[in-house]
Amino acid sequence: MKIARFVLKIVGACLAVAAAVCCVIAYWDKITEAFRTVGSRLGCKCCRPSEYDDYADWDE
């Protein structure tokens, strides 16, 4: 019975980590926008625009 509980704890932890990763992937745009906003308010020069912005309309 102890082994079953241990396995279930591992499975639960793996599912929780997978859910967190899915949330980060789903809200990636909002997360990066928040970092850029905070960086611009602090005057940080490390938050430069992406070099790939020139190709934003390439697929259209």
N, C-alpha and C. Protein backbone atom coordinates (compact mmCIF):
# COMPACT_ATOMS: atom_id res chain seq x y z
N MET A 1 0.81 -1.19 0.00
CA MET A 1 0.00 0.00 0.00
C MET A 1 0.87 1.27 0.00
N LYS A 2 2.03 1.20 0.65
CA LYS A 2 2.91 2.36 0.68
C LYS A 2 3.44 2.67 -0.71
N ILE A 3 3.68 1.64 -1.49
CA ILE A 3 4.20 1.85 -2.84
C ILE A 3 3.15 2.52 -3.71
N ALA A 4 1.89 2.11 -3.55
CA ALA A 4 0.81 2.71 -4.34
C ALA A 4 0.66 4.20 -4.00
N ARG A 5 0.74 4.55 -2.73
CA ARG A 5 0.65 5.96 -2.34
C ARG A 5 1.82 6.75 -2.92
N PHE A 6 3.00 6.17 -2.87
CA PHE A 6 4.18 6.85 -3.41
C PHE A 6 4.03 7.08 -4.91
N VAL A 7 3.56 6.07 -5.63
CA VAL A 7 3.36 6.20 -7.08
C VAL A 7 2.31 7.25 -7.37
N LEU A 8 1.23 7.27 -6.61
CA LEU A 8 0.18 8.27 -6.82
C LEU A 8 0.69 9.69 -6.52
N LYS A 9 1.56 9.83 -5.54
CA LYS A 9 2.14 11.14 -5.26
C LYS A 9 3.01 11.60 -6.42
N ILE A 10 3.78 10.69 -6.98
CA ILE A 10 4.63 11.02 -8.13
C ILE A 10 3.77 11.42 -9.33
N VAL A 11 2.72 10.65 -9.59
CA VAL A 11 1.82 10.96 -10.70
C VAL A 11 1.15 12.31 -10.49
N GLY A 12 0.70 12.58 -9.27
CA GLY A 12 0.08 13.87 -8.97
C GLY A 12 1.04 15.03 -9.15
N ALA A 13 2.28 14.85 -8.72
CA ALA A 13 3.29 15.90 -8.89
C ALA A 13 3.58 16.14 -10.37
N CYS A 14 3.66 15.06 -11.14
CA CYS A 14 3.91 15.21 -12.58
C CYS A 14 2.75 15.93 -13.26
N LEU A 15 1.54 15.61 -12.88
CA LEU A 15 0.38 16.30 -13.46
C LEU A 15 0.35 17.77 -13.07
N ALA A 16 0.74 18.08 -11.87
CA ALA A 16 0.77 19.49 -11.44
C ALA A 16 1.83 20.27 -12.22
N VAL A 17 2.98 19.67 -12.43
CA VAL A 17 4.03 20.33 -13.21
C VAL A 17 3.58 20.51 -14.65
N ALA A 18 2.93 19.50 -15.22
CA ALA A 18 2.44 19.61 -16.59
C ALA A 18 1.39 20.71 -16.71
N ALA A 19 0.53 20.85 -15.72
CA ALA A 19 -0.47 21.91 -15.74
C ALA A 19 0.18 23.28 -15.66
N ALA A 20 1.22 23.42 -14.85
CA ALA A 20 1.93 24.70 -14.75
C ALA A 20 2.61 25.05 -16.07
N VAL A 21 3.20 24.07 -16.71
CA VAL A 21 3.84 24.31 -18.01
C VAL A 21 2.81 24.72 -19.04
N CYS A 22 1.66 24.07 -19.05
CA CYS A 22 0.59 24.44 -19.98
C CYS A 22 0.11 25.87 -19.75
N CYS A 23 0.01 26.28 -18.50
CA CYS A 23 -0.40 27.65 -18.19
C CYS A 23 0.63 28.66 -18.68
N VAL A 24 1.89 28.36 -18.50
CA VAL A 24 2.94 29.26 -18.98
C VAL A 24 2.89 29.37 -20.50
N ILE A 25 2.70 28.26 -21.18
CA ILE A 25 2.63 28.27 -22.64
C ILE A 25 1.40 29.05 -23.10
N ALA A 26 0.27 28.86 -22.44
CA ALA A 26 -0.97 29.52 -22.85
C ALA A 26 -0.90 31.03 -22.66
N TYR A 27 -0.24 31.49 -21.62
CA TYR A 27 -0.20 32.92 -21.31
C TYR A 27 1.16 33.55 -21.58
N TRP A 28 1.96 32.97 -22.47
CA TRP A 28 3.31 33.46 -22.73
C TRP A 28 3.30 34.90 -23.20
N ASP A 29 2.36 35.27 -24.09
CA ASP A 29 2.30 36.65 -24.59
C ASP A 29 2.06 37.64 -23.46
N LYS A 30 1.15 37.31 -22.56
CA LYS A 30 0.85 38.22 -21.46
C LYS A 30 2.02 38.29 -20.48
N ILE A 31 2.72 37.19 -20.28
CA ILE A 31 3.87 37.18 -19.37
C ILE A 31 4.98 38.07 -19.92
N THR A 32 5.29 37.93 -21.21
CA THR A 32 6.35 38.76 -21.79
C THR A 32 5.94 40.22 -21.85
N GLU A 33 4.66 40.48 -22.09
CA GLU A 33 4.20 41.87 -22.10
C GLU A 33 4.35 42.50 -20.72
N ALA A 34 4.07 41.73 -19.68
CA ALA A 34 4.22 42.25 -18.32
C ALA A 34 5.68 42.56 -18.02
N PHE A 35 6.60 41.68 -18.43
CA PHE A 35 8.02 41.93 -18.21
C PHE A 35 8.49 43.17 -18.98
N ARG A 36 8.00 43.32 -20.19
CA ARG A 36 8.39 44.51 -20.97
C ARG A 36 7.86 45.78 -20.34
N THR A 37 6.64 45.73 -19.83
CA THR A 37 6.04 46.90 -19.18
C THR A 37 6.83 47.28 -17.94
N VAL A 38 7.15 46.30 -17.12
CA VAL A 38 7.93 46.56 -15.90
C VAL A 38 9.32 47.07 -16.27
N GLY A 39 9.93 46.47 -17.28
CA GLY A 39 11.26 46.90 -17.70
C GLY A 39 11.27 48.32 -18.23
N SER A 40 10.24 48.68 -19.00
CA SER A 40 10.19 50.04 -19.53
C SER A 40 9.93 51.06 -18.43
N ARG A 41 9.15 50.69 -17.41
CA ARG A 41 8.90 51.62 -16.31
C ARG A 41 10.13 51.80 -15.43
N LEU A 42 10.96 50.78 -15.36
CA LEU A 42 12.18 50.89 -14.58
C LEU A 42 13.34 51.49 -15.38
N GLY A 43 13.11 51.66 -16.67
CA GLY A 43 14.15 52.23 -17.51
C GLY A 43 15.22 51.22 -17.88
N CYS A 44 14.88 49.97 -17.87
CA CYS A 44 15.83 48.90 -18.18
C CYS A 44 16.10 48.86 -19.68
N LYS A 45 17.37 48.84 -20.05
CA LYS A 45 17.73 48.77 -21.46
C LYS A 45 17.90 47.34 -21.95
N CYS A 46 17.69 46.39 -21.05
CA CYS A 46 17.84 44.99 -21.46
C CYS A 46 16.59 44.48 -22.16
N CYS A 47 15.51 45.23 -22.12
CA CYS A 47 14.26 44.81 -22.74
C CYS A 47 14.11 45.46 -24.10
N ARG A 48 14.92 45.06 -25.01
CA ARG A 48 14.88 45.61 -26.36
C ARG A 48 13.83 44.87 -27.18
N PRO A 49 13.33 45.51 -28.23
CA PRO A 49 12.38 44.80 -29.10
C PRO A 49 13.06 43.63 -29.80
N SER A 50 12.27 42.67 -30.11
CA SER A 50 12.80 41.46 -30.74
C SER A 50 13.31 41.75 -32.13
N GLU A 51 14.36 41.08 -32.52
CA GLU A 51 14.89 41.25 -33.87
C GLU A 51 14.00 40.59 -34.91
N TYR A 52 13.07 39.76 -34.45
CA TYR A 52 12.17 39.07 -35.36
C TYR A 52 10.89 39.86 -35.62
N ASP A 53 10.74 41.03 -35.03
CA ASP A 53 9.55 41.83 -35.27
C ASP A 53 9.45 42.26 -36.73
N ASP A 54 10.58 42.33 -37.42
CA ASP A 54 10.55 42.70 -38.83
C ASP A 54 9.82 41.67 -39.67
N TYR A 55 9.77 40.44 -39.20
CA TYR A 55 9.17 39.35 -39.96
C TYR A 55 7.80 38.98 -39.43
N ALA A 56 7.14 39.87 -38.71
CA ALA A 56 5.86 39.55 -38.09
C ALA A 56 4.78 39.28 -39.14
N ASP A 57 4.84 39.97 -40.28
CA ASP A 57 3.81 39.79 -41.31
C ASP A 57 4.27 38.83 -42.41
N TRP A 58 5.30 38.06 -42.18
CA TRP A 58 5.84 37.18 -43.20
C TRP A 58 4.85 36.10 -43.60
N ASP A 59 4.10 35.55 -42.65
CA ASP A 59 3.16 34.46 -42.95
C ASP A 59 1.86 34.96 -43.58
N GLU A 60 1.59 36.21 -43.48
CA GLU A 60 0.30 36.73 -43.97
C GLU A 60 0.29 36.93 -45.45
